[in-house]
């Protein structure tokens, strides 16, 4: 016997899941762009000549950009995991809904 209440709630959750998936995709793209910009900024710091007056500041800036790059990489991994989870949940929801549609 099909539980139509469960199917109705599953079907109603699809728009929210798809919106969350789209939002996560946008956040992932944003992180990727920020990562690329941070890597460019770090590369440009390596091109700057070290002088007696800027050495400490230059090294601190490099460390800060390295930390930012690592943070963006972690964020990217987290967003990718979220996207995979949303896709799996959408697929599971569709599998619950589809057989019910065949019974009508």
PDB file of N, CA and C in Angstrom:
ATOM      1  N   UNK A   1       0.842  -1.182   0.000  1.00  0.00           N
ATOM      2  CA  UNK A   1       0.000   0.000   0.000  1.00  0.00           C
ATOM      3  C   UNK A   1       0.884   1.242   0.000  1.00  0.00           C
ATOM      4  N   UNK A   2       0.547   2.196  -0.814  1.00  0.00           N
ATOM      5  CA  UNK A   2       1.326   3.418  -0.950  1.00  0.00           C
ATOM      6  C   UNK A   2       0.895   4.425   0.101  1.00  0.00           C
ATOM      7  N   UNK A   3       1.864   5.033   0.757  1.00  0.00           N
ATOM      8  CA  UNK A   3       1.591   6.084   1.740  1.00  0.00           C
ATOM      9  C   UNK A   3       1.622   7.416   0.994  1.00  0.00           C
ATOM     10  N   UNK A   4       0.439   7.925   0.623  1.00  0.00           N
ATOM     11  CA  UNK A   4       0.372   9.142  -0.186  1.00  0.00           C
ATOM     12  C   UNK A   4       0.788  10.383   0.587  1.00  0.00           C
ATOM     13  N   UNK A   5       0.608  10.386   1.898  1.00  0.00           N
ATOM     14  CA  UNK A   5       1.056  11.519   2.706  1.00  0.00           C
ATOM     15  C   UNK A   5       2.565  11.667   2.607  1.00  0.00           C
ATOM     16  N   UNK A   6       3.250  10.541   2.676  1.00  0.00           N
ATOM     17  CA  UNK A   6       4.711  10.548   2.555  1.00  0.00           C
ATOM     18  C   UNK A   6       5.138  11.015   1.164  1.00  0.00           C
ATOM     19  N   UNK A   7       4.421  10.564   0.162  1.00  0.00           N
ATOM     20  CA  UNK A   7       4.750  10.955  -1.214  1.00  0.00           C
ATOM     21  C   UNK A   7       4.496  12.447  -1.412  1.00  0.00           C
ATOM     22  N   UNK A   8       3.371  12.935  -0.884  1.00  0.00           N
ATOM     23  CA  UNK A   8       3.065  14.364  -1.012  1.00  0.00           C
ATOM     24  C   UNK A   8       4.129  15.215  -0.337  1.00  0.00           C
ATOM     25  N   UNK A   9       4.567  14.812   0.853  1.00  0.00           N
ATOM     26  CA  UNK A   9       5.599  15.601   1.543  1.00  0.00           C
ATOM     27  C   UNK A   9       6.933  15.502   0.816  1.00  0.00           C
ATOM     28  N   UNK A  10       7.224  14.338   0.238  1.00  0.00           N
ATOM     29  CA  UNK A  10       8.451  14.199  -0.548  1.00  0.00           C
ATOM     30  C   UNK A  10       8.418  15.104  -1.768  1.00  0.00           C
ATOM     31  N   UNK A  11       7.269  15.097  -2.452  1.00  0.00           N
ATOM     32  CA  UNK A  11       7.133  15.925  -3.647  1.00  0.00           C
ATOM     33  C   UNK A  11       7.240  17.400  -3.294  1.00  0.00           C
ATOM     34  N   UNK A  12       6.679  17.790  -2.158  1.00  0.00           N
ATOM     35  CA  UNK A  12       6.719  19.203  -1.787  1.00  0.00           C
ATOM     36  C   UNK A  12       8.120  19.641  -1.352  1.00  0.00           C
ATOM     37  N   UNK A  13       8.970  18.684  -0.981  1.00  0.00           N
ATOM     38  CA  UNK A  13      10.330  19.050  -0.585  1.00  0.00           C
ATOM     39  C   UNK A  13      11.256  19.244  -1.782  1.00  0.00           C
ATOM     40  N   UNK A  14      10.863  18.755  -2.943  1.00  0.00           N
ATOM     41  CA  UNK A  14      11.730  18.858  -4.130  1.00  0.00           C
ATOM     42  C   UNK A  14      12.108  20.295  -4.485  1.00  0.00           C
ATOM     43  N   UNK A  15      11.188  21.243  -4.524  1.00  0.00           N
ATOM     44  CA  UNK A  15      11.596  22.617  -4.858  1.00  0.00           C
ATOM     45  C   UNK A  15      12.629  23.171  -3.880  1.00  0.00           C
ATOM     46  N   UNK A  16      12.455  22.860  -2.596  1.00  0.00           N
ATOM     47  CA  UNK A  16      13.427  23.329  -1.599  1.00  0.00           C
ATOM     48  C   UNK A  16      14.789  22.683  -1.816  1.00  0.00           C
ATOM     49  N   UNK A  17      14.785  21.400  -2.112  1.00  0.00           N
ATOM     50  CA  UNK A  17      16.054  20.698  -2.356  1.00  0.00           C
ATOM     51  C   UNK A  17      16.749  21.242  -3.606  1.00  0.00           C
ATOM     52  N   UNK A  18      15.970  21.479  -4.647  1.00  0.00           N
ATOM     53  CA  UNK A  18      16.554  22.014  -5.886  1.00  0.00           C
ATOM     54  C   UNK A  18      17.082  23.430  -5.681  1.00  0.00           C
ATOM     55  N   UNK A  19      16.371  24.223  -4.884  1.00  0.00           N
ATOM     56  CA  UNK A  19      16.844  25.581  -4.583  1.00  0.00           C
ATOM     57  C   UNK A  19      18.127  25.524  -3.761  1.00  0.00           C
ATOM     58  N   UNK A  20      18.179  24.609  -2.802  1.00  0.00           N
ATOM     59  CA  UNK A  20      19.391  24.456  -1.988  1.00  0.00           C
ATOM     60  C   UNK A  20      20.564  23.990  -2.847  1.00  0.00           C
ATOM     61  N   UNK A  21      20.288  23.097  -3.796  1.00  0.00           N
ATOM     62  CA  UNK A  21      21.325  22.629  -4.713  1.00  0.00           C
ATOM     63  C   UNK A  21      21.852  23.781  -5.562  1.00  0.00           C
ATOM     64  N   UNK A  22      20.953  24.591  -6.083  1.00  0.00           N
ATOM     65  CA  UNK A  22      21.375  25.742  -6.897  1.00  0.00           C
ATOM     66  C   UNK A  22      22.175  26.733  -6.061  1.00  0.00           C
ATOM     67  N   UNK A  23      21.740  26.973  -4.834  1.00  0.00           N
ATOM     68  CA  UNK A  23      22.452  27.889  -3.945  1.00  0.00           C
ATOM     69  C   UNK A  23      23.860  27.358  -3.646  1.00  0.00           C
ATOM     70  N   UNK A  24      23.949  26.069  -3.361  1.00  0.00           N
ATOM     71  CA  UNK A  24      25.259  25.470  -3.082  1.00  0.00           C
ATOM     72  C   UNK A  24      26.167  25.555  -4.305  1.00  0.00           C
ATOM     73  N   UNK A  25      25.593  25.369  -5.488  1.00  0.00           N
ATOM     74  CA  UNK A  25      26.380  25.508  -6.721  1.00  0.00           C
ATOM     75  C   UNK A  25      26.925  26.913  -6.886  1.00  0.00           C
ATOM     76  N   UNK A  26      26.099  27.890  -6.569  1.00  0.00           N
ATOM     77  CA  UNK A  26      26.546  29.284  -6.636  1.00  0.00           C
ATOM     78  C   UNK A  26      27.647  29.578  -5.633  1.00  0.00           C
ATOM     79  N   UNK A  27      27.478  29.057  -4.422  1.00  0.00           N
ATOM     80  CA  UNK A  27      28.506  29.258  -3.388  1.00  0.00           C
ATOM     81  C   UNK A  27      29.812  28.576  -3.794  1.00  0.00           C
ATOM     82  N   UNK A  28      29.696  27.391  -4.383  1.00  0.00           N
ATOM     83  CA  UNK A  28      30.887  26.675  -4.850  1.00  0.00           C
ATOM     84  C   UNK A  28      31.609  27.477  -5.922  1.00  0.00           C
ATOM     85  N   UNK A  29      30.866  28.004  -6.878  1.00  0.00           N
ATOM     86  CA  UNK A  29      31.479  28.840  -7.923  1.00  0.00           C
ATOM     87  C   UNK A  29      32.164  30.054  -7.322  1.00  0.00           C
ATOM     88  N   UNK A  30      31.507  30.682  -6.352  1.00  0.00           N
ATOM     89  CA  UNK A  30      32.095  31.845  -5.682  1.00  0.00           C
ATOM     90  C   UNK A  30      33.398  31.498  -4.988  1.00  0.00           C
ATOM     91  N   UNK A  31      33.418  30.365  -4.310  1.00  0.00           N
ATOM     92  CA  UNK A  31      34.651  29.935  -3.625  1.00  0.00           C
ATOM     93  C   UNK A  31      35.767  29.657  -4.635  1.00  0.00           C
ATOM     94  N   UNK A  32      35.401  29.047  -5.746  1.00  0.00           N
ATOM     95  CA  UNK A  32      36.417  28.760  -6.770  1.00  0.00           C
ATOM     96  C   UNK A  32      37.012  30.045  -7.339  1.00  0.00           C
ATOM     97  N   UNK A  33      36.177  31.043  -7.561  1.00  0.00           N
ATOM     98  CA  UNK A  33      36.682  32.324  -8.060  1.00  0.00           C
ATOM     99  C   UNK A  33      37.572  32.998  -7.021  1.00  0.00           C
ATOM    100  N   UNK A  34      37.142  32.955  -5.762  1.00  0.00           N
ATOM    101  CA  UNK A  34      37.948  33.556  -4.701  1.00  0.00           C
ATOM    102  C   UNK A  34      39.268  32.816  -4.520  1.00  0.00           C
ATOM    103  N   UNK A  35      39.254  31.494  -4.669  1.00  0.00           N
ATOM    104  CA  UNK A  35      40.487  30.718  -4.592  1.00  0.00           C
ATOM    105  C   UNK A  35      41.448  31.140  -5.697  1.00  0.00           C
ATOM    106  N   UNK A  36      40.936  31.261  -6.907  1.00  0.00           N
ATOM    107  CA  UNK A  36      41.786  31.665  -8.033  1.00  0.00           C
ATOM    108  C   UNK A  36      42.377  33.052  -7.791  1.00  0.00           C
ATOM    109  N   UNK A  37      41.563  33.964  -7.263  1.00  0.00           N
ATOM    110  CA  UNK A  37      42.060  35.316  -6.987  1.00  0.00           C
ATOM    111  C   UNK A  37      43.121  35.290  -5.884  1.00  0.00           C
ATOM    112  N   UNK A  38      42.900  34.485  -4.864  1.00  0.00           N
ATOM    113  CA  UNK A  38      43.869  34.386  -3.772  1.00  0.00           C
ATOM    114  C   UNK A  38      45.187  33.786  -4.270  1.00  0.00           C
ATOM    115  N   UNK A  39      45.101  32.790  -5.130  1.00  0.00           N
ATOM    116  CA  UNK A  39      46.323  32.195  -5.689  1.00  0.00           C
ATOM    117  C   UNK A  39      47.075  33.202  -6.554  1.00  0.00           C
ATOM    118  N   UNK A  40      46.356  34.003  -7.300  1.00  0.00           N
ATOM    119  CA  UNK A  40      46.998  35.054  -8.106  1.00  0.00           C
ATOM    120  C   UNK A  40      47.677  36.078  -7.205  1.00  0.00           C
ATOM    121  N   UNK A  41      46.992  36.441  -6.139  1.00  0.00           N
ATOM    122  CA  UNK A  41      47.554  37.428  -5.212  1.00  0.00           C
ATOM    123  C   UNK A  41      48.830  36.886  -4.570  1.00  0.00           C
ATOM    124  N   UNK A  42      48.803  35.630  -4.176  1.00  0.00           N
ATOM    125  CA  UNK A  42      50.006  35.017  -3.590  1.00  0.00           C
ATOM    126  C   UNK A  42      51.130  34.983  -4.618  1.00  0.00           C
ATOM    127  N   UNK A  43      50.818  34.605  -5.846  1.00  0.00           N
ATOM    128  CA  UNK A  43      51.835  34.586  -6.901  1.00  0.00           C
ATOM    129  C   UNK A  43      52.446  35.971  -7.112  1.00  0.00           C
ATOM    130  N   UNK A  44      51.603  36.994  -7.054  1.00  0.00           N
ATOM    131  CA  UNK A  44      52.121  38.350  -7.255  1.00  0.00           C
ATOM    132  C   UNK A  44      53.048  38.759  -6.103  1.00  0.00           C
ATOM    133  N   UNK A  45      52.777  38.249  -4.910  1.00  0.00           N
ATOM    134  CA  UNK A  45      53.662  38.568  -3.779  1.00  0.00           C
ATOM    135  C   UNK A  45      55.039  37.929  -3.958  1.00  0.00           C
ATOM    136  N   UNK A  46      55.078  36.769  -4.581  1.00  0.00           N
ATOM    137  CA  UNK A  46      56.370  36.134  -4.836  1.00  0.00           C
ATOM    138  C   UNK A  46      57.170  36.904  -5.874  1.00  0.00           C
ATOM    139  N   UNK A  47      56.481  37.665  -6.705  1.00  0.00           N
ATOM    140  CA  UNK A  47      57.168  38.475  -7.710  1.00  0.00           C
ATOM    141  C   UNK A  47      57.709  39.778  -7.119  1.00  0.00           C
ATOM    142  N   UNK A  48      57.201  40.172  -5.948  1.00  0.00           N
ATOM    143  CA  UNK A  48      57.665  41.416  -5.312  1.00  0.00           C
ATOM    144  C   UNK A  48      59.060  41.213  -4.748  1.00  0.00           C
ATOM    145  N   UNK A  49      59.941  42.154  -4.994  1.00  0.00           N
ATOM    146  CA  UNK A  49      61.291  42.030  -4.435  1.00  0.00           C
ATOM    147  C   UNK A  49      61.279  42.280  -2.919  1.00  0.00           C
ATOM    148  N   UNK A  50      62.074  41.506  -2.218  1.00  0.00           N
ATOM    149  CA  UNK A  50      62.207  41.681  -0.772  1.00  0.00           C
ATOM    150  C   UNK A  50      63.268  42.745  -0.519  1.00  0.00           C
ATOM    151  N   UNK A  51      62.882  43.703   0.301  1.00  0.00           N
ATOM    152  CA  UNK A  51      63.827  44.751   0.686  1.00  0.00           C
ATOM    153  C   UNK A  51      63.973  44.732   2.199  1.00  0.00           C
ATOM    154  N   UNK A  52      64.866  45.564   2.681  1.00  0.00           N
ATOM    155  CA  UNK A  52      65.076  45.624   4.132  1.00  0.00           C
ATOM    156  C   UNK A  52      63.864  46.211   4.854  1.00  0.00           C
ATOM    157  N   UNK A  53      63.033  46.951   4.141  1.00  0.00           N
ATOM    158  CA  UNK A  53      61.878  47.589   4.793  1.00  0.00           C
ATOM    159  C   UNK A  53      60.571  46.798   4.641  1.00  0.00           C
ATOM    160  N   UNK A  54      60.492  45.910   3.662  1.00  0.00           N
ATOM    161  CA  UNK A  54      59.221  45.217   3.446  1.00  0.00           C
ATOM    162  C   UNK A  54      59.263  43.717   3.729  1.00  0.00           C
ATOM    163  N   UNK A  55      60.393  43.194   4.120  1.00  0.00           N
ATOM    164  CA  UNK A  55      60.562  41.746   4.277  1.00  0.00           C
ATOM    165  C   UNK A  55      59.577  41.106   5.241  1.00  0.00           C
ATOM    166  N   UNK A  56      59.427  41.688   6.415  1.00  0.00           N
ATOM    167  CA  UNK A  56      58.535  41.120   7.426  1.00  0.00           C
ATOM    168  C   UNK A  56      57.079  41.221   6.982  1.00  0.00           C
ATOM    169  N   UNK A  57      56.729  42.398   6.442  1.00  0.00           N
ATOM    170  CA  UNK A  57      55.359  42.596   5.995  1.00  0.00           C
ATOM    171  C   UNK A  57      55.026  41.672   4.818  1.00  0.00           C
ATOM    172  N   UNK A  58      55.962  41.518   3.911  1.00  0.00           N
ATOM    173  CA  UNK A  58      55.758  40.673   2.743  1.00  0.00           C
ATOM    174  C   UNK A  58      55.546  39.223   3.166  1.00  0.00           C
ATOM    175  N   UNK A  59      56.343  38.754   4.098  1.00  0.00           N
ATOM    176  CA  UNK A  59      56.194  37.372   4.576  1.00  0.00           C
ATOM    177  C   UNK A  59      54.858  37.185   5.297  1.00  0.00           C
ATOM    178  N   UNK A  60      54.434  38.175   6.059  1.00  0.00           N
ATOM    179  CA  UNK A  60      53.143  38.093   6.755  1.00  0.00           C
ATOM    180  C   UNK A  60      51.991  38.052   5.746  1.00  0.00           C
ATOM    181  N   UNK A  61      52.099  38.843   4.697  1.00  0.00           N
ATOM    182  CA  UNK A  61      51.062  38.844   3.662  1.00  0.00           C
ATOM    183  C   UNK A  61      51.008  37.497   2.945  1.00  0.00           C
ATOM    184  N   UNK A  62      52.166  36.912   2.689  1.00  0.00           N
ATOM    185  CA  UNK A  62      52.201  35.589   2.050  1.00  0.00           C
ATOM    186  C   UNK A  62      51.537  34.547   2.949  1.00  0.00           C
ATOM    187  N   UNK A  63      51.834  34.596   4.231  1.00  0.00           N
ATOM    188  CA  UNK A  63      51.225  33.637   5.159  1.00  0.00           C
ATOM    189  C   UNK A  63      49.708  33.818   5.209  1.00  0.00           C
ATOM    190  N   UNK A  64      49.261  35.048   5.190  1.00  0.00           N
ATOM    191  CA  UNK A  64      47.824  35.310   5.220  1.00  0.00           C
ATOM    192  C   UNK A  64      47.142  34.762   3.971  1.00  0.00           C
ATOM    193  N   UNK A  65      47.750  34.962   2.806  1.00  0.00           N
ATOM    194  CA  UNK A  65      47.161  34.439   1.577  1.00  0.00           C
ATOM    195  C   UNK A  65      47.199  32.919   1.542  1.00  0.00           C
ATOM    196  N   UNK A  66      48.256  32.306   2.083  1.00  0.00           N
ATOM    197  CA  UNK A  66      48.306  30.843   2.156  1.00  0.00           C
ATOM    198  C   UNK A  66      47.162  30.315   3.025  1.00  0.00           C
ATOM    199  N   UNK A  67      46.914  30.992   4.142  1.00  0.00           N
ATOM    200  CA  UNK A  67      45.816  30.591   5.025  1.00  0.00           C
ATOM    201  C   UNK A  67      44.468  30.748   4.311  1.00  0.00           C
ATOM    202  N   UNK A  68      44.309  31.830   3.576  1.00  0.00           N
ATOM    203  CA  UNK A  68      43.072  32.045   2.818  1.00  0.00           C
ATOM    204  C   UNK A  68      42.879  30.951   1.775  1.00  0.00           C
ATOM    205  N   UNK A  69      43.944  30.602   1.095  1.00  0.00           N
ATOM    206  CA  UNK A  69      43.877  29.556   0.070  1.00  0.00           C
ATOM    207  C   UNK A  69      43.444  28.234   0.692  1.00  0.00           C
ATOM    208  N   UNK A  70      44.016  27.884   1.830  1.00  0.00           N
ATOM    209  CA  UNK A  70      43.625  26.644   2.507  1.00  0.00           C
ATOM    210  C   UNK A  70      42.161  26.699   2.936  1.00  0.00           C
ATOM    211  N   UNK A  71      41.714  27.848   3.425  1.00  0.00           N
ATOM    212  CA  UNK A  71      40.308  27.999   3.833  1.00  0.00           C
ATOM    213  C   UNK A  71      39.372  27.843   2.636  1.00  0.00           C
ATOM    214  N   UNK A  72      39.734  28.432   1.509  1.00  0.00           N
ATOM    215  CA  UNK A  72      38.899  28.281   0.314  1.00  0.00           C
ATOM    216  C   UNK A  72      38.857  26.831  -0.146  1.00  0.00           C
ATOM    217  N   UNK A  73      39.971  26.137  -0.078  1.00  0.00           N
ATOM    218  CA  UNK A  73      39.992  24.722  -0.467  1.00  0.00           C
ATOM    219  C   UNK A  73      39.080  23.895   0.436  1.00  0.00           C
ATOM    220  N   UNK A  74      39.094  24.188   1.729  1.00  0.00           N
ATOM    221  CA  UNK A  74      38.203  23.481   2.650  1.00  0.00           C
ATOM    222  C   UNK A  74      36.738  23.810   2.363  1.00  0.00           C
ATOM    223  N   UNK A  75      36.463  25.065   2.072  1.00  0.00           N
ATOM    224  CA  UNK A  75      35.092  25.471   1.734  1.00  0.00           C
ATOM    225  C   UNK A  75      34.617  24.787   0.465  1.00  0.00           C
ATOM    226  N   UNK A  76      35.493  24.696  -0.511  1.00  0.00           N
ATOM    227  CA  UNK A  76      35.141  24.026  -1.766  1.00  0.00           C
ATOM    228  C   UNK A  76      34.803  22.568  -1.506  1.00  0.00           C
ATOM    229  N   UNK A  77      35.609  21.903  -0.706  1.00  0.00           N
ATOM    230  CA  UNK A  77      35.341  20.493  -0.384  1.00  0.00           C
ATOM    231  C   UNK A  77      33.992  20.351   0.327  1.00  0.00           C
ATOM    232  N   UNK A  78      33.699  21.271   1.230  1.00  0.00           N
ATOM    233  CA  UNK A  78      32.427  21.217   1.962  1.00  0.00           C
ATOM    234  C   UNK A  78      31.240  21.460   1.022  1.00  0.00           C
ATOM    235  N   UNK A  79      31.355  22.442   0.137  1.00  0.00           N
ATOM    236  CA  UNK A  79      30.261  22.709  -0.802  1.00  0.00           C
ATOM    237  C   UNK A  79      30.068  21.537  -1.753  1.00  0.00           C
ATOM    238  N   UNK A  80      31.160  20.918  -2.193  1.00  0.00           N
ATOM    239  CA  UNK A  80      31.045  19.744  -3.072  1.00  0.00           C
ATOM    240  C   UNK A  80      30.327  18.602  -2.353  1.00  0.00           C
ATOM    241  N   UNK A  81      30.643  18.410  -1.069  1.00  0.00           N
ATOM    242  CA  UNK A  81      29.965  17.368  -0.290  1.00  0.00           C
ATOM    243  C   UNK A  81      28.479  17.695  -0.144  1.00  0.00           C
ATOM    244  N   UNK A  82      28.162  18.963   0.103  1.00  0.00           N
ATOM    245  CA  UNK A  82      26.757  19.367   0.199  1.00  0.00           C
ATOM    246  C   UNK A  82      26.024  19.110  -1.115  1.00  0.00           C
ATOM    247  N   UNK A  83      26.661  19.447  -2.216  1.00  0.00           N
ATOM    248  CA  UNK A  83      26.048  19.241  -3.529  1.00  0.00           C
ATOM    249  C   UNK A  83      25.781  17.758  -3.768  1.00  0.00           C
ATOM    250  N   UNK A  84      26.750  16.921  -3.439  1.00  0.00           N
ATOM    251  CA  UNK A  84      26.552  15.477  -3.582  1.00  0.00           C
ATOM    252  C   UNK A  84      25.381  14.996  -2.724  1.00  0.00           C
ATOM    253  N   UNK A  85      25.285  15.521  -1.504  1.00  0.00           N
ATOM    254  CA  UNK A  85      24.192  15.132  -0.610  1.00  0.00           C
ATOM    255  C   UNK A  85      22.843  15.590  -1.164  1.00  0.00           C
ATOM    256  N   UNK A  86      22.776  16.817  -1.673  1.00  0.00           N
ATOM    257  CA  UNK A  86      21.522  17.300  -2.258  1.00  0.00           C
ATOM    258  C   UNK A  86      21.123  16.462  -3.471  1.00  0.00           C
ATOM    259  N   UNK A  87      22.085  16.146  -4.317  1.00  0.00           N
ATOM    260  CA  UNK A  87      21.784  15.325  -5.495  1.00  0.00           C
ATOM    261  C   UNK A  87      21.267  13.951  -5.090  1.00  0.00           C
ATOM    262  N   UNK A  88      21.882  13.357  -4.080  1.00  0.00           N
ATOM    263  CA  UNK A  88      21.443  12.037  -3.606  1.00  0.00           C
ATOM    264  C   UNK A  88      20.043  12.114  -3.017  1.00  0.00           C
ATOM    265  N   UNK A  89      19.772  13.165  -2.256  1.00  0.00           N
ATOM    266  CA  UNK A  89      18.451  13.317  -1.650  1.00  0.00           C
ATOM    267  C   UNK A  89      17.381  13.562  -2.709  1.00  0.00           C
ATOM    268  N   UNK A  90      17.704  14.331  -3.726  1.00  0.00           N
ATOM    269  CA  UNK A  90      16.763  14.561  -4.829  1.00  0.00           C
ATOM    270  C   UNK A  90      16.485  13.256  -5.560  1.00  0.00           C
ATOM    271  N   UNK A  91      17.536  12.495  -5.846  1.00  0.00           N
ATOM    272  CA  UNK A  91      17.363  11.215  -6.541  1.00  0.00           C
ATOM    273  C   UNK A  91      16.511  10.260  -5.710  1.00  0.00           C
ATOM    274  N   UNK A  92      16.757  10.216  -4.424  1.00  0.00           N
ATOM    275  CA  UNK A  92      15.983   9.344  -3.535  1.00  0.00           C
ATOM    276  C   UNK A  92      14.514   9.782  -3.496  1.00  0.00           C
ATOM    277  N   UNK A  93      14.293  11.066  -3.443  1.00  0.00           N
ATOM    278  CA  UNK A  93      12.926  11.599  -3.423  1.00  0.00           C
ATOM    279  C   UNK A  93      12.207  11.258  -4.719  1.00  0.00           C
ATOM    280  N   UNK A  94      12.892  11.407  -5.832  1.00  0.00           N
ATOM    281  CA  UNK A  94      12.268  11.085  -7.122  1.00  0.00           C
ATOM    282  C   UNK A  94      11.922   9.610  -7.221  1.00  0.00           C
ATOM    283  N   UNK A  95      12.758   8.761  -6.647  1.00  0.00           N
ATOM    284  CA  UNK A  95      12.469   7.330  -6.660  1.00  0.00           C
ATOM    285  C   UNK A  95      11.233   7.010  -5.815  1.00  0.00           C
ATOM    286  N   UNK A  96      11.036   7.754  -4.727  1.00  0.00           N
ATOM    287  CA  UNK A  96       9.853   7.543  -3.892  1.00  0.00           C
ATOM    288  C   UNK A  96       8.600   8.031  -4.608  1.00  0.00           C
ATOM    289  N   UNK A  97       8.718   9.118  -5.363  1.00  0.00           N
ATOM    290  CA  UNK A  97       7.558   9.724  -6.014  1.00  0.00           C
ATOM    291  C   UNK A  97       7.183   8.971  -7.277  1.00  0.00           C
ATOM    292  N   UNK A  98       8.155   8.597  -8.075  1.00  0.00           N
ATOM    293  CA  UNK A  98       7.897   8.019  -9.395  1.00  0.00           C
ATOM    294  C   UNK A  98       7.008   6.783  -9.363  1.00  0.00           C
ATOM    295  N   UNK A  99       7.268   5.791  -8.541  1.00  0.00           N
ATOM    296  CA  UNK A  99       6.385   4.614  -8.539  1.00  0.00           C
ATOM    297  C   UNK A  99       4.935   4.977  -8.184  1.00  0.00           C
ATOM    298  N   UNK A 100       4.733   5.968  -7.340  1.00  0.00           N
ATOM    299  CA  UNK A 100       3.380   6.376  -6.970  1.00  0.00           C
ATOM    300  C   UNK A 100       2.646   6.940  -8.179  1.00  0.00           C
ATOM    301  N   UNK A 101       3.380   7.666  -9.011  1.00  0.00           N
ATOM    302  CA  UNK A 101       2.755   8.219 -10.208  1.00  0.00           C
ATOM    303  C   UNK A 101       2.302   7.142 -11.174  1.00  0.00           C
ATOM    304  N   UNK A 102       2.968   6.009 -11.166  1.00  0.00           N
ATOM    305  CA  UNK A 102       2.587   4.906 -12.050  1.00  0.00           C
ATOM    306  C   UNK A 102       1.316   4.217 -11.583  1.00  0.00           C
ATOM    307  N   UNK A 103       0.985   4.316 -10.296  1.00  0.00           N
ATOM    308  CA  UNK A 103      -0.196   3.653  -9.750  1.00  0.00           C
ATOM    309  C   UNK A 103      -1.483   4.415 -10.033  1.00  0.00           C
ATOM    310  N   UNK A 104      -1.375   5.654 -10.471  1.00  0.00           N
ATOM    311  CA  UNK A 104      -2.594   6.454 -10.692  1.00  0.00           C
ATOM    312  C   UNK A 104      -3.295   6.098 -11.957  1.00  0.00           C
TER     313      UNK A 104
END
